[in-house]
């Protein structure tokens, strides 16, 4: 069990999002994907979702692209310390930021020149389209999820995972299962999604097969499972099949214990 002081109850949508507590019982799961998520519910903290400020969440997710939380969180904290305060709207503050100064501020996050430009452009877009970060927050929380997602995907530098994370962590929307590299790898490796499925294909499978109230937790818990058990190069099953709590549910696509070899599931099709 993690020492992460998160709530011990999974509420899809968070208390502010009107969500309901989800029950995790692998014996009653209707699909293999749901059974995986239910079993993850027995391993890790179960979290609340929703209630975060949407623009702050968007900036945080942009910073996390292609880097670890360990690197991106300090960069986010430094950005907030420098640009969020004195009663000034964060979007307004970042839209007028000097790019090199912002890049220096977030340098710990990696790709900081590209990300600083994306953040400034995104802040300017928020002001142009909504007038303020607060109005953008209301849009994310109140508008239809499909409309929010489509709108966010029109912004340069915002991809499906970023849009879905804003919907989940700010909007508190049930049925949203963001797909990052861990999620993409694990559900293809397990055989729940096709070996050659792209991120959007994996998302479609999971949002179809995992109940809406469990999708948010499924996302965060799968990432934790990927870090602790099902890593890209050395999954736990490679040395000991009994070391993985999902062994009986996994097809081990691309994992070959006999030869100590691990490849991306797509390569199994070649």
C-alpha atoms as a PDB file:
ATOM      1  CA  UNK A   1       0.000   0.000   0.000  1.00  0.00           C
ATOM      2  CA  UNK A   2       1.274   3.442  -0.894  1.00  0.00           C
ATOM      3  CA  UNK A   3       1.973   6.085   1.767  1.00  0.00           C
ATOM      4  CA  UNK A   4       0.300   8.637  -0.517  1.00  0.00           C
ATOM      5  CA  UNK A   5      -2.263  10.386   1.759  1.00  0.00           C
ATOM      6  CA  UNK A   6      -5.133  10.155  -0.693  1.00  0.00           C
ATOM      7  CA  UNK A   7      -8.786   9.620   0.241  1.00  0.00           C
ATOM      8  CA  UNK A   8      -9.633   5.977   0.862  1.00  0.00           C
ATOM      9  CA  UNK A   9     -12.877   6.202  -1.107  1.00  0.00           C
ATOM     10  CA  UNK A  10     -13.083   6.350  -4.899  1.00  0.00           C
ATOM     11  CA  UNK A  11     -15.649   8.931  -5.975  1.00  0.00           C
ATOM     12  CA  UNK A  12     -15.873   9.428  -9.722  1.00  0.00           C
ATOM     13  CA  UNK A  13     -16.444  13.116 -10.241  1.00  0.00           C
ATOM     14  CA  UNK A  14     -15.286  13.999  -6.741  1.00  0.00           C
ATOM     15  CA  UNK A  15     -17.531  15.297  -3.997  1.00  0.00           C
ATOM     16  CA  UNK A  16     -18.023  18.519  -5.953  1.00  0.00           C
ATOM     17  CA  UNK A  17     -18.828  16.618  -9.125  1.00  0.00           C
ATOM     18  CA  UNK A  18     -21.779  14.728  -7.731  1.00  0.00           C
ATOM     19  CA  UNK A  19     -20.092  11.369  -8.181  1.00  0.00           C
ATOM     20  CA  UNK A  20     -20.906   8.208  -6.274  1.00  0.00           C
ATOM     21  CA  UNK A  21     -18.543   5.846  -4.487  1.00  0.00           C
ATOM     22  CA  UNK A  22     -17.496   2.904  -6.646  1.00  0.00           C
ATOM     23  CA  UNK A  23     -17.322  -0.670  -5.376  1.00  0.00           C
ATOM     24  CA  UNK A  24     -14.329  -2.786  -6.409  1.00  0.00           C
ATOM     25  CA  UNK A  25     -15.223  -6.478  -6.427  1.00  0.00           C
ATOM     26  CA  UNK A  26     -13.350  -8.598  -9.008  1.00  0.00           C
ATOM     27  CA  UNK A  27     -15.830 -11.465  -8.498  1.00  0.00           C
ATOM     28  CA  UNK A  28     -18.670  -9.380  -9.922  1.00  0.00           C
ATOM     29  CA  UNK A  29     -16.817  -7.789 -12.845  1.00  0.00           C
ATOM     30  CA  UNK A  30     -18.521  -8.067 -16.227  1.00  0.00           C
ATOM     31  CA  UNK A  31     -15.356  -7.731 -18.357  1.00  0.00           C
ATOM     32  CA  UNK A  32     -11.685  -8.588 -18.000  1.00  0.00           C
ATOM     33  CA  UNK A  33     -10.817  -4.876 -18.069  1.00  0.00           C
ATOM     34  CA  UNK A  34     -13.195  -4.230 -15.180  1.00  0.00           C
ATOM     35  CA  UNK A  35     -11.726  -7.171 -13.278  1.00  0.00           C
ATOM     36  CA  UNK A  36      -8.252  -5.668 -13.692  1.00  0.00           C
ATOM     37  CA  UNK A  37      -9.436  -2.296 -12.381  1.00  0.00           C
ATOM     38  CA  UNK A  38     -11.284  -3.981  -9.500  1.00  0.00           C
ATOM     39  CA  UNK A  39      -8.147  -5.837  -8.513  1.00  0.00           C
ATOM     40  CA  UNK A  40      -6.163  -2.606  -8.701  1.00  0.00           C
ATOM     41  CA  UNK A  41      -8.760  -1.255  -6.290  1.00  0.00           C
ATOM     42  CA  UNK A  42      -7.524  -3.802  -3.773  1.00  0.00           C
ATOM     43  CA  UNK A  43      -3.882  -2.780  -4.278  1.00  0.00           C
ATOM     44  CA  UNK A  44      -3.789   1.004  -4.322  1.00  0.00           C
ATOM     45  CA  UNK A  45      -5.364   4.067  -2.814  1.00  0.00           C
ATOM     46  CA  UNK A  46      -8.773   4.848  -4.231  1.00  0.00           C
ATOM     47  CA  UNK A  47      -9.046   8.506  -5.139  1.00  0.00           C
ATOM     48  CA  UNK A  48     -11.525  11.294  -5.620  1.00  0.00           C
ATOM     49  CA  UNK A  49     -11.614  13.076  -8.963  1.00  0.00           C
ATOM     50  CA  UNK A  50     -12.754  16.514  -9.995  1.00  0.00           C
ATOM     51  CA  UNK A  51     -12.680  19.890  -8.341  1.00  0.00           C
ATOM     52  CA  UNK A  52      -9.311  21.134  -9.596  1.00  0.00           C
ATOM     53  CA  UNK A  53      -9.100  24.456 -11.388  1.00  0.00           C
ATOM     54  CA  UNK A  54      -9.330  23.641 -15.098  1.00  0.00           C
ATOM     55  CA  UNK A  55      -6.685  26.019 -16.436  1.00  0.00           C
ATOM     56  CA  UNK A  56      -4.213  25.112 -13.695  1.00  0.00           C
ATOM     57  CA  UNK A  57      -4.885  21.436 -14.475  1.00  0.00           C
ATOM     58  CA  UNK A  58      -4.318  22.085 -18.184  1.00  0.00           C
ATOM     59  CA  UNK A  59      -0.978  23.769 -17.493  1.00  0.00           C
ATOM     60  CA  UNK A  60       0.030  20.972 -15.116  1.00  0.00           C
ATOM     61  CA  UNK A  61      -0.759  18.335 -17.740  1.00  0.00           C
ATOM     62  CA  UNK A  62       1.183  20.171 -20.446  1.00  0.00           C
ATOM     63  CA  UNK A  63       4.183  20.250 -18.108  1.00  0.00           C
ATOM     64  CA  UNK A  64       3.867  16.501 -17.510  1.00  0.00           C
ATOM     65  CA  UNK A  65       4.083  15.614 -21.204  1.00  0.00           C
ATOM     66  CA  UNK A  66       7.068  13.354 -21.920  1.00  0.00           C
ATOM     67  CA  UNK A  67       8.418  13.664 -18.393  1.00  0.00           C
ATOM     68  CA  UNK A  68       7.927  12.180 -14.949  1.00  0.00           C
ATOM     69  CA  UNK A  69       5.825  13.582 -12.112  1.00  0.00           C
ATOM     70  CA  UNK A  70       9.031  13.836 -10.091  1.00  0.00           C
ATOM     71  CA  UNK A  71      10.384  16.324 -12.645  1.00  0.00           C
ATOM     72  CA  UNK A  72       7.179  18.104 -13.653  1.00  0.00           C
ATOM     73  CA  UNK A  73       5.737  18.783 -10.187  1.00  0.00           C
ATOM     74  CA  UNK A  74       8.575  21.102  -9.041  1.00  0.00           C
ATOM     75  CA  UNK A  75       8.330  22.921 -12.391  1.00  0.00           C
ATOM     76  CA  UNK A  76       4.602  23.387 -11.860  1.00  0.00           C
ATOM     77  CA  UNK A  77       5.175  24.653  -8.307  1.00  0.00           C
ATOM     78  CA  UNK A  78       7.778  27.143  -9.556  1.00  0.00           C
ATOM     79  CA  UNK A  79       5.386  28.365 -12.263  1.00  0.00           C
ATOM     80  CA  UNK A  80       2.580  28.903  -9.755  1.00  0.00           C
ATOM     81  CA  UNK A  81       4.908  30.697  -7.347  1.00  0.00           C
ATOM     82  CA  UNK A  82       6.024  33.110 -10.061  1.00  0.00           C
ATOM     83  CA  UNK A  83       2.850  33.705 -12.064  1.00  0.00           C
ATOM     84  CA  UNK A  84      -0.162  33.031  -9.851  1.00  0.00           C
ATOM     85  CA  UNK A  85      -0.809  35.733  -7.299  1.00  0.00           C
ATOM     86  CA  UNK A  86      -1.621  39.361  -6.583  1.00  0.00           C
ATOM     87  CA  UNK A  87      -5.189  38.834  -7.743  1.00  0.00           C
ATOM     88  CA  UNK A  88      -4.154  38.446 -11.379  1.00  0.00           C
ATOM     89  CA  UNK A  89      -5.893  35.765 -13.449  1.00  0.00           C
ATOM     90  CA  UNK A  90      -3.357  32.974 -14.130  1.00  0.00           C
ATOM     91  CA  UNK A  91      -4.255  32.826 -17.823  1.00  0.00           C
ATOM     92  CA  UNK A  92      -3.726  36.580 -18.108  1.00  0.00           C
ATOM     93  CA  UNK A  93      -0.419  36.349 -16.286  1.00  0.00           C
ATOM     94  CA  UNK A  94       0.891  33.526 -18.478  1.00  0.00           C
ATOM     95  CA  UNK A  95      -0.391  35.001 -21.737  1.00  0.00           C
ATOM     96  CA  UNK A  96       1.802  38.043 -21.133  1.00  0.00           C
ATOM     97  CA  UNK A  97       4.776  36.093 -19.783  1.00  0.00           C
ATOM     98  CA  UNK A  98       8.204  36.546 -21.344  1.00  0.00           C
ATOM     99  CA  UNK A  99       8.912  33.205 -22.977  1.00  0.00           C
ATOM    100  CA  UNK A 100      12.546  32.854 -21.923  1.00  0.00           C
ATOM    101  CA  UNK A 101      11.666  33.642 -18.311  1.00  0.00           C
ATOM    102  CA  UNK A 102       8.860  31.081 -18.323  1.00  0.00           C
ATOM    103  CA  UNK A 103      11.170  28.536 -19.966  1.00  0.00           C
ATOM    104  CA  UNK A 104      13.743  29.080 -17.226  1.00  0.00           C
ATOM    105  CA  UNK A 105      11.048  28.736 -14.565  1.00  0.00           C
ATOM    106  CA  UNK A 106       9.869  25.348 -15.855  1.00  0.00           C
ATOM    107  CA  UNK A 107      13.268  24.071 -17.026  1.00  0.00           C
ATOM    108  CA  UNK A 108      13.085  21.066 -14.715  1.00  0.00           C
ATOM    109  CA  UNK A 109      10.169  19.638 -16.684  1.00  0.00           C
ATOM    110  CA  UNK A 110      12.126  18.959 -19.877  1.00  0.00           C
ATOM    111  CA  UNK A 111      11.300  20.312 -23.351  1.00  0.00           C
ATOM    112  CA  UNK A 112      10.926  23.617 -21.543  1.00  0.00           C
ATOM    113  CA  UNK A 113      11.304  25.840 -24.612  1.00  0.00           C
ATOM    114  CA  UNK A 114       8.519  24.014 -26.431  1.00  0.00           C
ATOM    115  CA  UNK A 115       6.325  23.809 -23.337  1.00  0.00           C
ATOM    116  CA  UNK A 116       6.750  27.480 -22.455  1.00  0.00           C
ATOM    117  CA  UNK A 117       5.577  28.430 -25.935  1.00  0.00           C
ATOM    118  CA  UNK A 118       2.618  26.032 -25.691  1.00  0.00           C
ATOM    119  CA  UNK A 119       1.606  27.380 -22.280  1.00  0.00           C
ATOM    120  CA  UNK A 120       1.735  31.008 -23.435  1.00  0.00           C
ATOM    121  CA  UNK A 121      -0.275  30.202 -26.567  1.00  0.00           C
ATOM    122  CA  UNK A 122      -2.790  28.185 -24.550  1.00  0.00           C
ATOM    123  CA  UNK A 123      -3.219  31.005 -22.033  1.00  0.00           C
ATOM    124  CA  UNK A 124      -3.815  33.462 -24.884  1.00  0.00           C
ATOM    125  CA  UNK A 125      -6.392  31.062 -26.362  1.00  0.00           C
ATOM    126  CA  UNK A 126      -8.227  30.815 -23.020  1.00  0.00           C
ATOM    127  CA  UNK A 127      -8.429  34.602 -22.790  1.00  0.00           C
ATOM    128  CA  UNK A 128      -9.564  34.981 -26.394  1.00  0.00           C
ATOM    129  CA  UNK A 129     -12.198  32.232 -26.249  1.00  0.00           C
ATOM    130  CA  UNK A 130     -13.442  32.532 -22.652  1.00  0.00           C
ATOM    131  CA  UNK A 131     -12.177  35.823 -21.237  1.00  0.00           C
ATOM    132  CA  UNK A 132     -10.605  34.356 -18.096  1.00  0.00           C
ATOM    133  CA  UNK A 133      -9.364  31.186 -16.441  1.00  0.00           C
ATOM    134  CA  UNK A 134     -12.492  31.208 -14.268  1.00  0.00           C
ATOM    135  CA  UNK A 135     -14.778  31.205 -17.301  1.00  0.00           C
ATOM    136  CA  UNK A 136     -12.741  28.379 -18.839  1.00  0.00           C
ATOM    137  CA  UNK A 137     -13.144  26.434 -15.599  1.00  0.00           C
ATOM    138  CA  UNK A 138     -16.927  26.841 -15.799  1.00  0.00           C
ATOM    139  CA  UNK A 139     -16.883  25.635 -19.416  1.00  0.00           C
ATOM    140  CA  UNK A 140     -14.964  22.476 -18.515  1.00  0.00           C
ATOM    141  CA  UNK A 141     -17.220  21.671 -15.573  1.00  0.00           C
ATOM    142  CA  UNK A 142     -20.603  22.518 -17.152  1.00  0.00           C
ATOM    143  CA  UNK A 143     -20.397  21.810 -20.888  1.00  0.00           C
ATOM    144  CA  UNK A 144     -20.958  18.400 -22.467  1.00  0.00           C
ATOM    145  CA  UNK A 145     -17.749  16.319 -22.165  1.00  0.00           C
ATOM    146  CA  UNK A 146     -17.633  15.657 -25.912  1.00  0.00           C
ATOM    147  CA  UNK A 147     -17.762  19.397 -26.616  1.00  0.00           C
ATOM    148  CA  UNK A 148     -15.033  20.113 -24.061  1.00  0.00           C
ATOM    149  CA  UNK A 149     -12.822  17.392 -25.500  1.00  0.00           C
ATOM    150  CA  UNK A 150     -13.285  18.519 -29.107  1.00  0.00           C
ATOM    151  CA  UNK A 151     -12.598  22.128 -28.137  1.00  0.00           C
ATOM    152  CA  UNK A 152      -9.408  21.266 -26.262  1.00  0.00           C
ATOM    153  CA  UNK A 153      -8.126  19.098 -29.103  1.00  0.00           C
ATOM    154  CA  UNK A 154      -8.227  22.126 -31.398  1.00  0.00           C
ATOM    155  CA  UNK A 155      -5.511  23.774 -29.300  1.00  0.00           C
ATOM    156  CA  UNK A 156      -1.939  23.259 -30.486  1.00  0.00           C
ATOM    157  CA  UNK A 157       0.003  21.129 -28.042  1.00  0.00           C
ATOM    158  CA  UNK A 158      -3.096  19.600 -26.453  1.00  0.00           C
ATOM    159  CA  UNK A 159      -3.550  15.931 -27.303  1.00  0.00           C
ATOM    160  CA  UNK A 160      -6.142  13.350 -26.249  1.00  0.00           C
ATOM    161  CA  UNK A 161      -4.446  12.461 -22.947  1.00  0.00           C
ATOM    162  CA  UNK A 162      -4.181  16.117 -21.920  1.00  0.00           C
ATOM    163  CA  UNK A 163      -7.805  16.792 -22.835  1.00  0.00           C
ATOM    164  CA  UNK A 164      -8.987  13.716 -20.952  1.00  0.00           C
ATOM    165  CA  UNK A 165      -6.972  14.597 -17.853  1.00  0.00           C
ATOM    166  CA  UNK A 166      -8.606  18.037 -17.761  1.00  0.00           C
ATOM    167  CA  UNK A 167     -12.025  16.394 -18.098  1.00  0.00           C
ATOM    168  CA  UNK A 168     -11.231  13.951 -15.305  1.00  0.00           C
ATOM    169  CA  UNK A 169      -9.286  15.977 -12.760  1.00  0.00           C
ATOM    170  CA  UNK A 170     -10.979  19.354 -13.272  1.00  0.00           C
ATOM    171  CA  UNK A 171     -14.363  18.443 -14.692  1.00  0.00           C
ATOM    172  CA  UNK A 172     -14.785  15.334 -12.582  1.00  0.00           C
ATOM    173  CA  UNK A 173     -16.362  13.517 -15.503  1.00  0.00           C
ATOM    174  CA  UNK A 174     -17.117   9.841 -15.093  1.00  0.00           C
ATOM    175  CA  UNK A 175     -16.363   7.510 -17.976  1.00  0.00           C
ATOM    176  CA  UNK A 176     -13.103   9.277 -18.899  1.00  0.00           C
ATOM    177  CA  UNK A 177     -10.053   6.960 -18.994  1.00  0.00           C
ATOM    178  CA  UNK A 178      -6.967   8.963 -20.068  1.00  0.00           C
ATOM    179  CA  UNK A 179      -4.368   6.859 -21.866  1.00  0.00           C
ATOM    180  CA  UNK A 180      -0.710   7.589 -21.192  1.00  0.00           C
ATOM    181  CA  UNK A 181       2.280   5.404 -22.062  1.00  0.00           C
ATOM    182  CA  UNK A 182       1.696   3.087 -19.084  1.00  0.00           C
ATOM    183  CA  UNK A 183      -1.987   2.534 -19.882  1.00  0.00           C
ATOM    184  CA  UNK A 184      -1.248   2.086 -23.585  1.00  0.00           C
ATOM    185  CA  UNK A 185       1.459  -0.509 -22.896  1.00  0.00           C
ATOM    186  CA  UNK A 186      -0.282  -2.465 -20.159  1.00  0.00           C
ATOM    187  CA  UNK A 187      -3.663  -3.122 -21.743  1.00  0.00           C
ATOM    188  CA  UNK A 188      -2.070  -4.220 -25.026  1.00  0.00           C
ATOM    189  CA  UNK A 189       0.395  -6.403 -23.104  1.00  0.00           C
ATOM    190  CA  UNK A 190      -2.517  -7.965 -21.239  1.00  0.00           C
ATOM    191  CA  UNK A 191      -4.370  -8.628 -24.484  1.00  0.00           C
ATOM    192  CA  UNK A 192      -7.350  -6.505 -23.480  1.00  0.00           C
ATOM    193  CA  UNK A 193      -6.681  -4.173 -26.411  1.00  0.00           C
ATOM    194  CA  UNK A 194      -5.239  -5.247 -29.761  1.00  0.00           C
ATOM    195  CA  UNK A 195      -1.463  -5.397 -29.998  1.00  0.00           C
ATOM    196  CA  UNK A 196      -1.429  -2.669 -32.656  1.00  0.00           C
ATOM    197  CA  UNK A 197      -4.058  -0.456 -30.977  1.00  0.00           C
ATOM    198  CA  UNK A 198      -3.123   3.215 -30.811  1.00  0.00           C
ATOM    199  CA  UNK A 199      -3.865   5.385 -27.784  1.00  0.00           C
ATOM    200  CA  UNK A 200      -7.358   6.257 -28.985  1.00  0.00           C
ATOM    201  CA  UNK A 201      -8.160   2.596 -29.692  1.00  0.00           C
ATOM    202  CA  UNK A 202      -7.102   1.630 -26.170  1.00  0.00           C
ATOM    203  CA  UNK A 203      -9.175   4.450 -24.703  1.00  0.00           C
ATOM    204  CA  UNK A 204     -12.249   3.299 -26.623  1.00  0.00           C
ATOM    205  CA  UNK A 205     -11.873  -0.276 -25.328  1.00  0.00           C
ATOM    206  CA  UNK A 206     -11.430   0.820 -21.718  1.00  0.00           C
ATOM    207  CA  UNK A 207     -14.262   3.353 -21.728  1.00  0.00           C
ATOM    208  CA  UNK A 208     -16.492   0.630 -23.200  1.00  0.00           C
ATOM    209  CA  UNK A 209     -15.471  -2.157 -20.814  1.00  0.00           C
ATOM    210  CA  UNK A 210     -14.877  -0.293 -17.524  1.00  0.00           C
ATOM    211  CA  UNK A 211     -17.878   1.248 -15.720  1.00  0.00           C
ATOM    212  CA  UNK A 212     -17.867   5.050 -15.789  1.00  0.00           C
ATOM    213  CA  UNK A 213     -17.439   5.378 -12.023  1.00  0.00           C
ATOM    214  CA  UNK A 214     -14.229   3.321 -12.150  1.00  0.00           C
ATOM    215  CA  UNK A 215     -12.487   4.908 -15.142  1.00  0.00           C
ATOM    216  CA  UNK A 216     -10.753   7.695 -13.240  1.00  0.00           C
ATOM    217  CA  UNK A 217      -9.354   5.351 -10.647  1.00  0.00           C
ATOM    218  CA  UNK A 218      -8.495   2.859 -13.390  1.00  0.00           C
ATOM    219  CA  UNK A 219      -6.304   5.495 -15.029  1.00  0.00           C
ATOM    220  CA  UNK A 220      -4.307   6.478 -11.948  1.00  0.00           C
ATOM    221  CA  UNK A 221      -4.072   2.950 -10.541  1.00  0.00           C
ATOM    222  CA  UNK A 222      -2.873   1.524 -13.871  1.00  0.00           C
ATOM    223  CA  UNK A 223      -0.083   4.103 -13.912  1.00  0.00           C
ATOM    224  CA  UNK A 224       0.921   3.031 -10.392  1.00  0.00           C
ATOM    225  CA  UNK A 225       0.753  -0.629 -11.429  1.00  0.00           C
ATOM    226  CA  UNK A 226       2.978   0.173 -14.401  1.00  0.00           C
ATOM    227  CA  UNK A 227       5.545   1.802 -12.153  1.00  0.00           C
ATOM    228  CA  UNK A 228       5.589  -0.917  -9.496  1.00  0.00           C
ATOM    229  CA  UNK A 229       4.931  -4.120 -11.447  1.00  0.00           C
ATOM    230  CA  UNK A 230       4.476  -3.864 -15.217  1.00  0.00           C
ATOM    231  CA  UNK A 231       7.398  -1.695 -16.276  1.00  0.00           C
ATOM    232  CA  UNK A 232       8.348  -1.263 -19.908  1.00  0.00           C
ATOM    233  CA  UNK A 233      11.580  -3.265 -19.781  1.00  0.00           C
ATOM    234  CA  UNK A 234      11.413  -5.435 -16.648  1.00  0.00           C
ATOM    235  CA  UNK A 235       7.855  -6.483 -15.818  1.00  0.00           C
ATOM    236  CA  UNK A 236       7.558  -8.472 -12.589  1.00  0.00           C
ATOM    237  CA  UNK A 237       6.420 -11.605 -14.428  1.00  0.00           C
ATOM    238  CA  UNK A 238       9.706 -11.820 -16.312  1.00  0.00           C
ATOM    239  CA  UNK A 239      11.492 -13.287 -13.306  1.00  0.00           C
ATOM    240  CA  UNK A 240       8.592 -14.650 -11.266  1.00  0.00           C
ATOM    241  CA  UNK A 241       5.048 -15.206 -12.631  1.00  0.00           C
ATOM    242  CA  UNK A 242       3.684 -15.129  -9.086  1.00  0.00           C
ATOM    243  CA  UNK A 243       5.131 -11.663  -8.467  1.00  0.00           C
ATOM    244  CA  UNK A 244       2.451  -9.984 -10.573  1.00  0.00           C
ATOM    245  CA  UNK A 245      -1.061  -9.620  -9.108  1.00  0.00           C
ATOM    246  CA  UNK A 246      -2.522  -9.644 -12.633  1.00  0.00           C
ATOM    247  CA  UNK A 247      -0.719 -12.753 -13.908  1.00  0.00           C
ATOM    248  CA  UNK A 248      -3.869 -14.834 -14.347  1.00  0.00           C
ATOM    249  CA  UNK A 249      -5.563 -12.036 -16.322  1.00  0.00           C
ATOM    250  CA  UNK A 250      -2.630 -11.239 -18.608  1.00  0.00           C
ATOM    251  CA  UNK A 251      -1.751 -12.669 -22.036  1.00  0.00           C
ATOM    252  CA  UNK A 252       1.873 -11.447 -21.685  1.00  0.00           C
ATOM    253  CA  UNK A 253       1.872 -10.119 -25.241  1.00  0.00           C
ATOM    254  CA  UNK A 254       5.491  -9.284 -26.067  1.00  0.00           C
ATOM    255  CA  UNK A 255       6.881 -10.722 -22.813  1.00  0.00           C
ATOM    256  CA  UNK A 256       8.986 -13.868 -23.183  1.00  0.00           C
ATOM    257  CA  UNK A 257      10.254 -15.195 -19.808  1.00  0.00           C
ATOM    258  CA  UNK A 258      11.982 -18.168 -21.478  1.00  0.00           C
ATOM    259  CA  UNK A 259      14.349 -15.842 -23.337  1.00  0.00           C
ATOM    260  CA  UNK A 260      14.251 -12.906 -20.894  1.00  0.00           C
ATOM    261  CA  UNK A 261      12.987 -10.734 -23.752  1.00  0.00           C
ATOM    262  CA  UNK A 262      10.456  -7.895 -23.714  1.00  0.00           C
ATOM    263  CA  UNK A 263       9.199  -6.103 -26.823  1.00  0.00           C
ATOM    264  CA  UNK A 264       6.399  -3.681 -27.561  1.00  0.00           C
ATOM    265  CA  UNK A 265       3.195  -5.644 -28.296  1.00  0.00           C
ATOM    266  CA  UNK A 266       3.103  -4.190 -31.811  1.00  0.00           C
ATOM    267  CA  UNK A 267       6.352  -5.975 -32.609  1.00  0.00           C
ATOM    268  CA  UNK A 268       4.657  -9.347 -32.000  1.00  0.00           C
ATOM    269  CA  UNK A 269       2.724  -8.788 -35.226  1.00  0.00           C
ATOM    270  CA  UNK A 270       5.803  -8.445 -37.412  1.00  0.00           C
END
